[in-house]
Amino acid sequence: MKKYLAISNEVKMAIEKNKPVVALESTIISHGMPYPKNVETALKVEEIIRKNGAIPATIAIIKGKLSVGITPEQIDYLGKKGLDVIKSSRRDIPILVARGEDGATTVAATMIIANLAGIKLFATGGVGGVHRGAETTMDISADLEELSSTNVSVICAGAKSILDLGLTLEYLETKGVPVIGYRTENLPAFYTRESGFKVNYRLDSPLEIAKALKAKEELKLKGAMLITNPIPEEYSMDRNEIDKVIRNAIEEANNLGVKGKDLTPFLLDKIQKITEGRSLEANIQLVYNNARLGAEIAKELSNL
């Protein structure tokens, strides 16, 4: 495994000493927003985790190495390279490793690599899910399968609201993935605090969540817990407005034939343009919010 996995000394020591560590993805760096905003955001997320008492471990594939705890220089490298970095899910990992190429890790790939490194928690923006119209297209994110099988729990602001949230919850239920609402009974919908759907359980403190994670680990139950954390109220967008914007973006994607791994970046970019940047600011703030909660949970978990 050593020839494939590169863990920074800081992260390695933290894992060995059972200190709190929070994994972070890299798709948000290369595909989430333009340079230099992407790099500034990634570094700020790491700073927030440190300020809240945990060690950040940003994950990417760098020249074929599964890299855990990449440097600020590597973050800048991914940010500048942008869309030329391959958006990498489970299926892409062995090819990029064999070719010695770069990859920006999605939720699924970040979970896999975090698990190889021994990291138990991962904070992100929103997870993938069942796309609208999946009953005919079968367009379902690999993130959901990873949540059912990989023992890295995920803090997010719900599934991205471009998805079919009802079908996404049904899929997670079938796979036995518990969906937790942090101080809420309602599933957050990324840009908005409520989706109209219910989570499985409401837990009101990082300690409560950490105890549930610890029990799951000791019971040797496979898979993740999905911890949903609503976007801060001051950044939450109007649900009717964002739903209309999403419908327009999806219609344009259908007309242009955009599908597969290109669909989500296309929709997020279109939504950003239609909302004149408000959706991007909301995205950034919810990631910051999830990083804070991730650090708090990681601290509690390391003390149990």
Foldseek 3Di string as FASTA:
>chain_A
DVLAAAEDPVVLVCLVLLFFEAEEFFCCQQQVDAPPVSLVLVVVLQVLLVVLRHGYWYFWQAQLHGYTRDDSVVSVVSNVCHPVAAADAPVCNVVCNVRRGIYGYALRRSLVNCLVSNHAEYEAEAHWAAAPPCVPVVDGDCNLVSQLAGRHAYEYQYHALNGDRVVRVVSNVVSPAAEEEAQDQARGHRLAQHDPDGGPYYDHFLLVVLVVSVVCVVVVRGGYHYYHYHQPPVLRDDPVVLVVQSVVQVVVCVVVVDDDPRNVSSSQVSSCVVVVNSSVVSSSRRSSVRSSSSSRNSNSNSVD
